[in-house]
Amino acid sequence: MVPALEDGDYAVAERLRPGRDIAVGDVVEIRHPDFGPIVKRVKELRSGDLRVQGQARSSVESDQIGWVPRSRVTARLIWRVSPKGLSRIRTCPAS
């Protein structure tokens, strides 16, 4: 997820409960049935499902992940804790 997160960083997240909004550009944690827990940026939304993408070159492609049911999103990442200090994880439009 570089530049949002780098190897060795920690993240502070808020648990998402049913009914909490997710927006394009949010960085979320997902329980994926094939890949396990993954962190991705929301690329697109459609009724109850979302499409995500990674930002690192080694990231699993969006097409491999597929559309993810909203119910599989467990948290939205808010803060990055790195050797450089604490910084907010920016919400930005996914490209």
PDB file of N, CA and C in Angstrom:
ATOM      1  N   MET A   1       0.821  -1.203   0.000  1.00  0.00           N
ATOM      2  CA  MET A   1       0.000   0.000   0.000  1.00  0.00           C
ATOM      3  C   MET A   1       0.861   1.262   0.000  1.00  0.00           C
ATOM      4  N   VAL A   2       2.099   1.155  -0.427  1.00  0.00           N
ATOM      5  CA  VAL A   2       2.947   2.333  -0.548  1.00  0.00           C
ATOM      6  C   VAL A   2       2.280   3.287  -1.536  1.00  0.00           C
ATOM      7  N   PRO A   3       2.089   4.537  -1.275  1.00  0.00           N
ATOM      8  CA  PRO A   3       2.678   5.330  -0.208  1.00  0.00           C
ATOM      9  C   PRO A   3       1.821   5.447   1.050  1.00  0.00           C
ATOM     10  N   ALA A   4       0.591   4.909   1.057  1.00  0.00           N
ATOM     11  CA  ALA A   4      -0.251   5.026   2.250  1.00  0.00           C
ATOM     12  C   ALA A   4       0.377   4.298   3.439  1.00  0.00           C
ATOM     13  N   LEU A   5       0.938   3.131   3.201  1.00  0.00           N
ATOM     14  CA  LEU A   5       1.608   2.342   4.230  1.00  0.00           C
ATOM     15  C   LEU A   5       2.872   1.744   3.632  1.00  0.00           C
ATOM     16  N   GLU A   6       3.896   1.618   4.460  1.00  0.00           N
ATOM     17  CA  GLU A   6       5.130   0.968   4.026  1.00  0.00           C
ATOM     18  C   GLU A   6       5.384  -0.233   4.923  1.00  0.00           C
ATOM     19  N   ASP A   7       6.230  -1.168   4.457  1.00  0.00           N
ATOM     20  CA  ASP A   7       6.583  -2.323   5.277  1.00  0.00           C
ATOM     21  C   ASP A   7       7.067  -1.847   6.636  1.00  0.00           C
ATOM     22  N   GLY A   8       6.560  -2.462   7.686  1.00  0.00           N
ATOM     23  CA  GLY A   8       6.963  -2.111   9.040  1.00  0.00           C
ATOM     24  C   GLY A   8       6.086  -1.073   9.707  1.00  0.00           C
ATOM     25  N   ASP A   9       5.220  -0.410   8.954  1.00  0.00           N
ATOM     26  CA  ASP A   9       4.294   0.554   9.548  1.00  0.00           C
ATOM     27  C   ASP A   9       3.186  -0.174  10.298  1.00  0.00           C
ATOM     28  N   TYR A  10       2.591   0.520  11.232  1.00  0.00           N
ATOM     29  CA  TYR A  10       1.386   0.066  11.911  1.00  0.00           C
ATOM     30  C   TYR A  10       0.264   0.992  11.481  1.00  0.00           C
ATOM     31  N   ALA A  11      -0.953   0.519  11.619  1.00  0.00           N
ATOM     32  CA  ALA A  11      -2.103   1.356  11.280  1.00  0.00           C
ATOM     33  C   ALA A  11      -3.108   1.311  12.421  1.00  0.00           C
ATOM     34  N   VAL A  12      -3.743   2.445  12.645  1.00  0.00           N
ATOM     35  CA  VAL A  12      -4.845   2.533  13.587  1.00  0.00           C
ATOM     36  C   VAL A  12      -6.109   2.566  12.738  1.00  0.00           C
ATOM     37  N   ALA A  13      -7.045   1.683  13.072  1.00  0.00           N
ATOM     38  CA  ALA A  13      -8.255   1.555  12.258  1.00  0.00           C
ATOM     39  C   ALA A  13      -9.495   1.691  13.114  1.00  0.00           C
ATOM     40  N   GLU A  14     -10.590   2.044  12.456  1.00  0.00           N
ATOM     41  CA  GLU A  14     -11.880   2.047  13.148  1.00  0.00           C
ATOM     42  C   GLU A  14     -12.680   0.870  12.621  1.00  0.00           C
ATOM     43  N   ARG A  15     -13.224   0.076  13.543  1.00  0.00           N
ATOM     44  CA  ARG A  15     -14.086  -1.035  13.159  1.00  0.00           C
ATOM     45  C   ARG A  15     -15.311  -0.481  12.456  1.00  0.00           C
ATOM     46  N   LEU A  16     -15.691  -1.119  11.384  1.00  0.00           N
ATOM     47  CA  LEU A  16     -16.883  -0.678  10.660  1.00  0.00           C
ATOM     48  C   LEU A  16     -18.057  -1.561  11.032  1.00  0.00           C
ATOM     49  N   ARG A  17     -19.081  -0.926  11.489  1.00  0.00           N
ATOM     50  CA  ARG A  17     -20.306  -1.634  11.838  1.00  0.00           C
ATOM     51  C   ARG A  17     -21.285  -1.494  10.681  1.00  0.00           C
ATOM     52  N   PRO A  18     -22.268  -2.362  10.626  1.00  0.00           N
ATOM     53  CA  PRO A  18     -23.268  -2.237   9.556  1.00  0.00           C
ATOM     54  C   PRO A  18     -23.848  -0.829   9.517  1.00  0.00           C
ATOM     55  N   GLY A  19     -24.007  -0.321   8.321  1.00  0.00           N
ATOM     56  CA  GLY A  19     -24.584   1.007   8.152  1.00  0.00           C
ATOM     57  C   GLY A  19     -23.567   2.131   8.063  1.00  0.00           C
ATOM     58  N   ARG A  20     -22.296   1.867   8.429  1.00  0.00           N
ATOM     59  CA  ARG A  20     -21.274   2.908   8.318  1.00  0.00           C
ATOM     60  C   ARG A  20     -20.893   3.062   6.858  1.00  0.00           C
ATOM     61  N   ASP A  21     -20.766   4.292   6.414  1.00  0.00           N
ATOM     62  CA  ASP A  21     -20.460   4.555   5.018  1.00  0.00           C
ATOM     63  C   ASP A  21     -19.009   4.257   4.685  1.00  0.00           C
ATOM     64  N   ILE A  22     -18.809   3.785   3.475  1.00  0.00           N
ATOM     65  CA  ILE A  22     -17.476   3.608   2.900  1.00  0.00           C
ATOM     66  C   ILE A  22     -17.454   4.475   1.658  1.00  0.00           C
ATOM     67  N   ALA A  23     -16.340   5.162   1.424  1.00  0.00           N
ATOM     68  CA  ALA A  23     -16.232   6.052   0.265  1.00  0.00           C
ATOM     69  C   ALA A  23     -15.093   5.600  -0.643  1.00  0.00           C
ATOM     70  N   VAL A  24     -15.217   5.938  -1.912  1.00  0.00           N
ATOM     71  CA  VAL A  24     -14.127   5.700  -2.851  1.00  0.00           C
ATOM     72  C   VAL A  24     -12.898   6.438  -2.319  1.00  0.00           C
ATOM     73  N   GLY A  25     -11.770   5.760  -2.288  1.00  0.00           N
ATOM     74  CA  GLY A  25     -10.533   6.345  -1.769  1.00  0.00           C
ATOM     75  C   GLY A  25     -10.199   5.920  -0.357  1.00  0.00           C
ATOM     76  N   ASP A  26     -11.176   5.385   0.399  1.00  0.00           N
ATOM     77  CA  ASP A  26     -10.888   4.891   1.745  1.00  0.00           C
ATOM     78  C   ASP A  26      -9.929   3.707   1.671  1.00  0.00           C
ATOM     79  N   VAL A  27      -9.078   3.568   2.681  1.00  0.00           N
ATOM     80  CA  VAL A  27      -8.218   2.392   2.819  1.00  0.00           C
ATOM     81  C   VAL A  27      -8.905   1.494   3.844  1.00  0.00           C
ATOM     82  N   VAL A  28      -9.195   0.251   3.434  1.00  0.00           N
ATOM     83  CA  VAL A  28      -9.985  -0.645   4.273  1.00  0.00           C
ATOM     84  C   VAL A  28      -9.297  -1.995   4.447  1.00  0.00           C
ATOM     85  N   GLU A  29      -9.666  -2.664   5.527  1.00  0.00           N
ATOM     86  CA  GLU A  29      -9.252  -4.043   5.752  1.00  0.00           C
ATOM     87  C   GLU A  29     -10.424  -4.939   5.358  1.00  0.00           C
ATOM     88  N   ILE A  30     -10.107  -6.010   4.635  1.00  0.00           N
ATOM     89  CA  ILE A  30     -11.131  -6.918   4.130  1.00  0.00           C
ATOM     90  C   ILE A  30     -10.770  -8.342   4.536  1.00  0.00           C
ATOM     91  N   ARG A  31     -11.767  -9.134   4.900  1.00  0.00           N
ATOM     92  CA  ARG A  31     -11.574 -10.575   5.091  1.00  0.00           C
ATOM     93  C   ARG A  31     -11.945 -11.243   3.771  1.00  0.00           C
ATOM     94  N   HIS A  32     -10.965 -11.533   2.955  1.00  0.00           N
ATOM     95  CA  HIS A  32     -11.207 -12.124   1.637  1.00  0.00           C
ATOM     96  C   HIS A  32     -11.171 -13.647   1.751  1.00  0.00           C
ATOM     97  N   PRO A  33     -12.111 -14.363   1.112  1.00  0.00           N
ATOM     98  CA  PRO A  33     -12.158 -15.821   1.249  1.00  0.00           C
ATOM     99  C   PRO A  33     -10.928 -16.539   0.676  1.00  0.00           C
ATOM    100  N   ASP A  34     -10.272 -15.964  -0.313  1.00  0.00           N
ATOM    101  CA  ASP A  34      -9.100 -16.608  -0.911  1.00  0.00           C
ATOM    102  C   ASP A  34      -7.772 -16.043  -0.411  1.00  0.00           C
ATOM    103  N   PHE A  35      -7.719 -14.737  -0.146  1.00  0.00           N
ATOM    104  CA  PHE A  35      -6.463 -14.071   0.216  1.00  0.00           C
ATOM    105  C   PHE A  35      -6.326 -13.784   1.700  1.00  0.00           C
ATOM    106  N   GLY A  36      -7.361 -14.059   2.491  1.00  0.00           N
ATOM    107  CA  GLY A  36      -7.314 -13.782   3.922  1.00  0.00           C
ATOM    108  C   GLY A  36      -7.473 -12.294   4.192  1.00  0.00           C
ATOM    109  N   PRO A  37      -6.966 -11.799   5.327  1.00  0.00           N
ATOM    110  CA  PRO A  37      -7.083 -10.372   5.617  1.00  0.00           C
ATOM    111  C   PRO A  37      -6.160  -9.574   4.694  1.00  0.00           C
ATOM    112  N   ILE A  38      -6.739  -8.606   4.002  1.00  0.00           N
ATOM    113  CA  ILE A  38      -5.958  -7.757   3.097  1.00  0.00           C
ATOM    114  C   ILE A  38      -6.341  -6.302   3.324  1.00  0.00           C
ATOM    115  N   VAL A  39      -5.414  -5.408   2.991  1.00  0.00           N
ATOM    116  CA  VAL A  39      -5.649  -3.962   3.091  1.00  0.00           C
ATOM    117  C   VAL A  39      -5.566  -3.399   1.678  1.00  0.00           C
ATOM    118  N   LYS A  40      -6.628  -2.701   1.279  1.00  0.00           N
ATOM    119  CA  LYS A  40      -6.713  -2.156  -0.077  1.00  0.00           C
ATOM    120  C   LYS A  40      -7.432  -0.810  -0.042  1.00  0.00           C
ATOM    121  N   ARG A  41      -7.281  -0.057  -1.124  1.00  0.00           N
ATOM    122  CA  ARG A  41      -7.995   1.209  -1.288  1.00  0.00           C
ATOM    123  C   ARG A  41      -9.256   0.957  -2.106  1.00  0.00           C
ATOM    124  N   VAL A  42     -10.367   1.569  -1.701  1.00  0.00           N
ATOM    125  CA  VAL A  42     -11.642   1.402  -2.408  1.00  0.00           C
ATOM    126  C   VAL A  42     -11.565   2.147  -3.737  1.00  0.00           C
ATOM    127  N   LYS A  43     -11.837   1.424  -4.797  1.00  0.00           N
ATOM    128  CA  LYS A  43     -11.746   1.952  -6.158  1.00  0.00           C
ATOM    129  C   LYS A  43     -13.119   2.320  -6.712  1.00  0.00           C
ATOM    130  N   GLU A  44     -14.137   1.533  -6.364  1.00  0.00           N
ATOM    131  CA  GLU A  44     -15.472   1.715  -6.937  1.00  0.00           C
ATOM    132  C   GLU A  44     -16.501   1.101  -6.001  1.00  0.00           C
ATOM    133  N   LEU A  45     -17.695   1.675  -5.976  1.00  0.00           N
ATOM    134  CA  LEU A  45     -18.800   1.172  -5.151  1.00  0.00           C
ATOM    135  C   LEU A  45     -20.010   0.898  -6.027  1.00  0.00           C
ATOM    136  N   ARG A  46     -20.727  -0.155  -5.687  1.00  0.00           N
ATOM    137  CA  ARG A  46     -22.036  -0.408  -6.292  1.00  0.00           C
ATOM    138  C   ARG A  46     -22.869  -1.122  -5.241  1.00  0.00           C
ATOM    139  N   SER A  47     -24.136  -1.010  -5.305  1.00  0.00           N
ATOM    140  CA  SER A  47     -25.071  -1.487  -4.282  1.00  0.00           C
ATOM    141  C   SER A  47     -24.577  -2.676  -3.448  1.00  0.00           C
ATOM    142  N   GLY A  48     -23.994  -2.366  -2.306  1.00  0.00           N
ATOM    143  CA  GLY A  48     -23.580  -3.394  -1.363  1.00  0.00           C
ATOM    144  C   GLY A  48     -22.233  -4.046  -1.628  1.00  0.00           C
ATOM    145  N   ASP A  49     -21.601  -3.743  -2.741  1.00  0.00           N
ATOM    146  CA  ASP A  49     -20.304  -4.339  -3.073  1.00  0.00           C
ATOM    147  C   ASP A  49     -19.289  -3.242  -3.356  1.00  0.00           C
ATOM    148  N   LEU A  50     -18.012  -3.591  -3.257  1.00  0.00           N
ATOM    149  CA  LEU A  50     -16.974  -2.632  -3.598  1.00  0.00           C
ATOM    150  C   LEU A  50     -15.859  -3.311  -4.372  1.00  0.00           C
ATOM    151  N   ARG A  51     -15.189  -2.517  -5.147  1.00  0.00           N
ATOM    152  CA  ARG A  51     -14.028  -2.952  -5.928  1.00  0.00           C
ATOM    153  C   ARG A  51     -12.832  -2.252  -5.294  1.00  0.00           C
ATOM    154  N   VAL A  52     -11.748  -2.980  -5.081  1.00  0.00           N
ATOM    155  CA  VAL A  52     -10.592  -2.417  -4.390  1.00  0.00           C
ATOM    156  C   VAL A  52      -9.341  -2.581  -5.241  1.00  0.00           C
ATOM    157  N   GLN A  53      -8.305  -1.834  -4.858  1.00  0.00           N
ATOM    158  CA  GLN A  53      -7.018  -1.962  -5.534  1.00  0.00           C
ATOM    159  C   GLN A  53      -5.909  -1.700  -4.545  1.00  0.00           C
ATOM    160  N   GLY A  54      -4.775  -2.315  -4.805  1.00  0.00           N
ATOM    161  CA  GLY A  54      -3.581  -2.052  -4.018  1.00  0.00           C
ATOM    162  C   GLY A  54      -2.786  -0.966  -4.702  1.00  0.00           C
ATOM    163  N   GLN A  55      -1.779  -0.472  -4.029  1.00  0.00           N
ATOM    164  CA  GLN A  55      -0.958   0.579  -4.600  1.00  0.00           C
ATOM    165  C   GLN A  55       0.477   0.121  -4.854  1.00  0.00           C
ATOM    166  N   ALA A  56       0.865  -1.009  -4.289  1.00  0.00           N
ATOM    167  CA  ALA A  56       2.224  -1.510  -4.488  1.00  0.00           C
ATOM    168  C   ALA A  56       2.292  -2.323  -5.776  1.00  0.00           C
ATOM    169  N   ARG A  57       3.463  -2.340  -6.390  1.00  0.00           N
ATOM    170  CA  ARG A  57       3.630  -3.114  -7.624  1.00  0.00           C
ATOM    171  C   ARG A  57       3.350  -4.592  -7.419  1.00  0.00           C
ATOM    172  N   SER A  58       3.650  -5.120  -6.240  1.00  0.00           N
ATOM    173  CA  SER A  58       3.465  -6.547  -5.968  1.00  0.00           C
ATOM    174  C   SER A  58       2.045  -6.884  -5.513  1.00  0.00           C
ATOM    175  N   SER A  59       1.154  -5.914  -5.538  1.00  0.00           N
ATOM    176  CA  SER A  59      -0.212  -6.103  -5.061  1.00  0.00           C
ATOM    177  C   SER A  59      -1.005  -7.044  -5.965  1.00  0.00           C
ATOM    178  N   VAL A  60      -1.925  -7.776  -5.359  1.00  0.00           N
ATOM    179  CA  VAL A  60      -2.852  -8.621  -6.108  1.00  0.00           C
ATOM    180  C   VAL A  60      -3.747  -7.703  -6.941  1.00  0.00           C
ATOM    181  N   GLU A  61      -3.962  -8.061  -8.192  1.00  0.00           N
ATOM    182  CA  GLU A  61      -4.770  -7.249  -9.114  1.00  0.00           C
ATOM    183  C   GLU A  61      -6.238  -7.215  -8.701  1.00  0.00           C
ATOM    184  N   SER A  62      -6.899  -6.106  -8.995  1.00  0.00           N
ATOM    185  CA  SER A  62      -8.326  -5.944  -8.697  1.00  0.00           C
ATOM    186  C   SER A  62      -9.157  -7.058  -9.318  1.00  0.00           C
ATOM    187  N   ASP A  63      -8.822  -7.468 -10.532  1.00  0.00           N
ATOM    188  CA  ASP A  63      -9.586  -8.524 -11.208  1.00  0.00           C
ATOM    189  C   ASP A  63      -9.478  -9.857 -10.473  1.00  0.00           C
ATOM    190  N   GLN A  64      -8.344 -10.121  -9.826  1.00  0.00           N
ATOM    191  CA  GLN A  64      -8.188 -11.351  -9.060  1.00  0.00           C
ATOM    192  C   GLN A  64      -9.012 -11.310  -7.780  1.00  0.00           C
ATOM    193  N   ILE A  65      -9.137 -10.138  -7.204  1.00  0.00           N
ATOM    194  CA  ILE A  65      -9.897  -9.984  -5.960  1.00  0.00           C
ATOM    195  C   ILE A  65     -11.390 -10.014  -6.250  1.00  0.00           C
ATOM    196  N   GLY A  66     -11.799  -9.364  -7.330  1.00  0.00           N
ATOM    197  CA  GLY A  66     -13.214  -9.316  -7.692  1.00  0.00           C
ATOM    198  C   GLY A  66     -14.001  -8.327  -6.850  1.00  0.00           C
ATOM    199  N   TRP A  67     -15.302  -8.327  -7.050  1.00  0.00           N
ATOM    200  CA  TRP A  67     -16.185  -7.482  -6.251  1.00  0.00           C
ATOM    201  C   TRP A  67     -16.281  -8.071  -4.855  1.00  0.00           C
ATOM    202  N   VAL A  68     -16.159  -7.219  -3.855  1.00  0.00           N
ATOM    203  CA  VAL A  68     -16.144  -7.646  -2.459  1.00  0.00           C
ATOM    204  C   VAL A  68     -17.446  -7.207  -1.802  1.00  0.00           C
ATOM    205  N   PRO A  69     -18.179  -8.140  -1.166  1.00  0.00           N
ATOM    206  CA  PRO A  69     -19.383  -7.738  -0.438  1.00  0.00           C
ATOM    207  C   PRO A  69     -19.026  -6.809   0.726  1.00  0.00           C
ATOM    208  N   ARG A  70     -19.826  -5.801   0.943  1.00  0.00           N
ATOM    209  CA  ARG A  70     -19.616  -4.839   2.041  1.00  0.00           C
ATOM    210  C   ARG A  70     -19.444  -5.551   3.377  1.00  0.00           C
ATOM    211  N   SER A  71     -20.115  -6.681   3.542  1.00  0.00           N
ATOM    212  CA  SER A  71     -20.054  -7.421   4.805  1.00  0.00           C
ATOM    213  C   SER A  71     -18.654  -7.963   5.109  1.00  0.00           C
ATOM    214  N   ARG A  72     -17.774  -8.023   4.136  1.00  0.00           N
ATOM    215  CA  ARG A  72     -16.405  -8.518   4.345  1.00  0.00           C
ATOM    216  C   ARG A  72     -15.434  -7.415   4.778  1.00  0.00           C
ATOM    217  N   VAL A  73     -15.871  -6.158   4.742  1.00  0.00           N
ATOM    218  CA  VAL A  73     -15.028  -5.046   5.190  1.00  0.00           C
ATOM    219  C   VAL A  73     -15.100  -4.986   6.708  1.00  0.00           C
ATOM    220  N   THR A  74     -13.932  -5.080   7.351  1.00  0.00           N
ATOM    221  CA  THR A  74     -13.913  -5.099   8.814  1.00  0.00           C
ATOM    222  C   THR A  74     -13.518  -3.764   9.436  1.00  0.00           C
ATOM    223  N   ALA A  75     -12.725  -2.955   8.705  1.00  0.00           N
ATOM    224  CA  ALA A  75     -12.249  -1.702   9.306  1.00  0.00           C
ATOM    225  C   ALA A  75     -11.804  -0.712   8.231  1.00  0.00           C
ATOM    226  N   ARG A  76     -11.799   0.562   8.618  1.00  0.00           N
ATOM    227  CA  ARG A  76     -11.243   1.637   7.783  1.00  0.00           C
ATOM    228  C   ARG A  76      -9.983   2.123   8.489  1.00  0.00           C
ATOM    229  N   LEU A  77      -8.876   2.174   7.768  1.00  0.00           N
ATOM    230  CA  LEU A  77      -7.620   2.629   8.354  1.00  0.00           C
ATOM    231  C   LEU A  77      -7.611   4.148   8.419  1.00  0.00           C
ATOM    232  N   ILE A  78      -7.219   4.676   9.574  1.00  0.00           N
ATOM    233  CA  ILE A  78      -7.292   6.114   9.824  1.00  0.00           C
ATOM    234  C   ILE A  78      -5.895   6.736   9.975  1.00  0.00           C
ATOM    235  N   TRP A  79      -5.042   6.104  10.769  1.00  0.00           N
ATOM    236  CA  TRP A  79      -3.730   6.656  11.089  1.00  0.00           C
ATOM    237  C   TRP A  79      -2.626   5.673  10.720  1.00  0.00           C
ATOM    238  N   ARG A  80      -1.498   6.207  10.321  1.00  0.00           N
ATOM    239  CA  ARG A  80      -0.289   5.438  10.036  1.00  0.00           C
ATOM    240  C   ARG A  80       0.724   5.765  11.128  1.00  0.00           C
ATOM    241  N   VAL A  81       1.294   4.718  11.727  1.00  0.00           N
ATOM    242  CA  VAL A  81       2.345   4.885  12.727  1.00  0.00           C
ATOM    243  C   VAL A  81       3.608   4.307  12.106  1.00  0.00           C
ATOM    244  N   SER A  82       4.579   5.177  11.863  1.00  0.00           N
ATOM    245  CA  SER A  82       5.815   4.772  11.206  1.00  0.00           C
ATOM    246  C   SER A  82       7.005   5.316  11.987  1.00  0.00           C
ATOM    247  N   PRO A  83       8.221   4.931  11.598  1.00  0.00           N
ATOM    248  CA  PRO A  83       9.391   5.502  12.270  1.00  0.00           C
ATOM    249  C   PRO A  83       9.440   7.031  12.160  1.00  0.00           C
ATOM    250  N   LYS A  84       8.757   7.596  11.166  1.00  0.00           N
ATOM    251  CA  LYS A  84       8.712   9.053  10.996  1.00  0.00           C
ATOM    252  C   LYS A  84       7.676   9.715  11.892  1.00  0.00           C
ATOM    253  N   GLY A  85       6.838   8.914  12.538  1.00  0.00           N
ATOM    254  CA  GLY A  85       5.823   9.469  13.427  1.00  0.00           C
ATOM    255  C   GLY A  85       4.410   9.067  13.030  1.00  0.00           C
ATOM    256  N   LEU A  86       3.455   9.808  13.511  1.00  0.00           N
ATOM    257  CA  LEU A  86       2.032   9.558  13.291  1.00  0.00           C
ATOM    258  C   LEU A  86       1.525  10.454  12.172  1.00  0.00           C
ATOM    259  N   SER A  87       0.807   9.872  11.226  1.00  0.00           N
ATOM    260  CA  SER A  87       0.212  10.679  10.152  1.00  0.00           C
ATOM    261  C   SER A  87      -1.136  10.080   9.769  1.00  0.00           C
ATOM    262  N   ARG A  88      -2.009  10.939   9.316  1.00  0.00           N
ATOM    263  CA  ARG A  88      -3.344  10.516   8.897  1.00  0.00           C
ATOM    264  C   ARG A  88      -3.248   9.832   7.534  1.00  0.00           C
ATOM    265  N   ILE A  89      -3.976   8.730   7.380  1.00  0.00           N
ATOM    266  CA  ILE A  89      -4.057   8.056   6.081  1.00  0.00           C
ATOM    267  C   ILE A  89      -5.086   8.831   5.271  1.00  0.00           C
ATOM    268  N   ARG A  90      -4.626   9.394   4.195  1.00  0.00           N
ATOM    269  CA  ARG A  90      -5.504  10.256   3.389  1.00  0.00           C
ATOM    270  C   ARG A  90      -6.480   9.441   2.565  1.00  0.00           C
ATOM    271  N   THR A  91      -7.695   9.958   2.514  1.00  0.00           N
ATOM    272  CA  THR A  91      -8.694   9.422   1.607  1.00  0.00           C
ATOM    273  C   THR A  91      -8.518  10.175   0.298  1.00  0.00           C
ATOM    274  N   CYS A  92      -8.311   9.442  -0.768  1.00  0.00           N
ATOM    275  CA  CYS A  92      -8.155  10.086  -2.056  1.00  0.00           C
ATOM    276  C   CYS A  92      -8.840   9.239  -3.113  1.00  0.00           C
ATOM    277  N   PRO A  93      -9.251   9.860  -4.177  1.00  0.00           N
ATOM    278  CA  PRO A  93      -9.885   9.078  -5.237  1.00  0.00           C
ATOM    279  C   PRO A  93      -8.922   8.018  -5.762  1.00  0.00           C
ATOM    280  N   ALA A  94      -9.432   6.794  -5.902  1.00  0.00           N
ATOM    281  CA  ALA A  94      -8.611   5.716  -6.463  1.00  0.00           C
ATOM    282  C   ALA A  94      -8.456   5.946  -7.955  1.00  0.00           C
ATOM    283  N   SER A  95      -7.297   5.605  -8.479  1.00  0.00           N
ATOM    284  CA  SER A  95      -7.084   5.804  -9.910  1.00  0.00           C
ATOM    285  C   SER A  95      -7.236   4.504 -10.662  1.00  0.00           C
TER     286      SER A  95
END
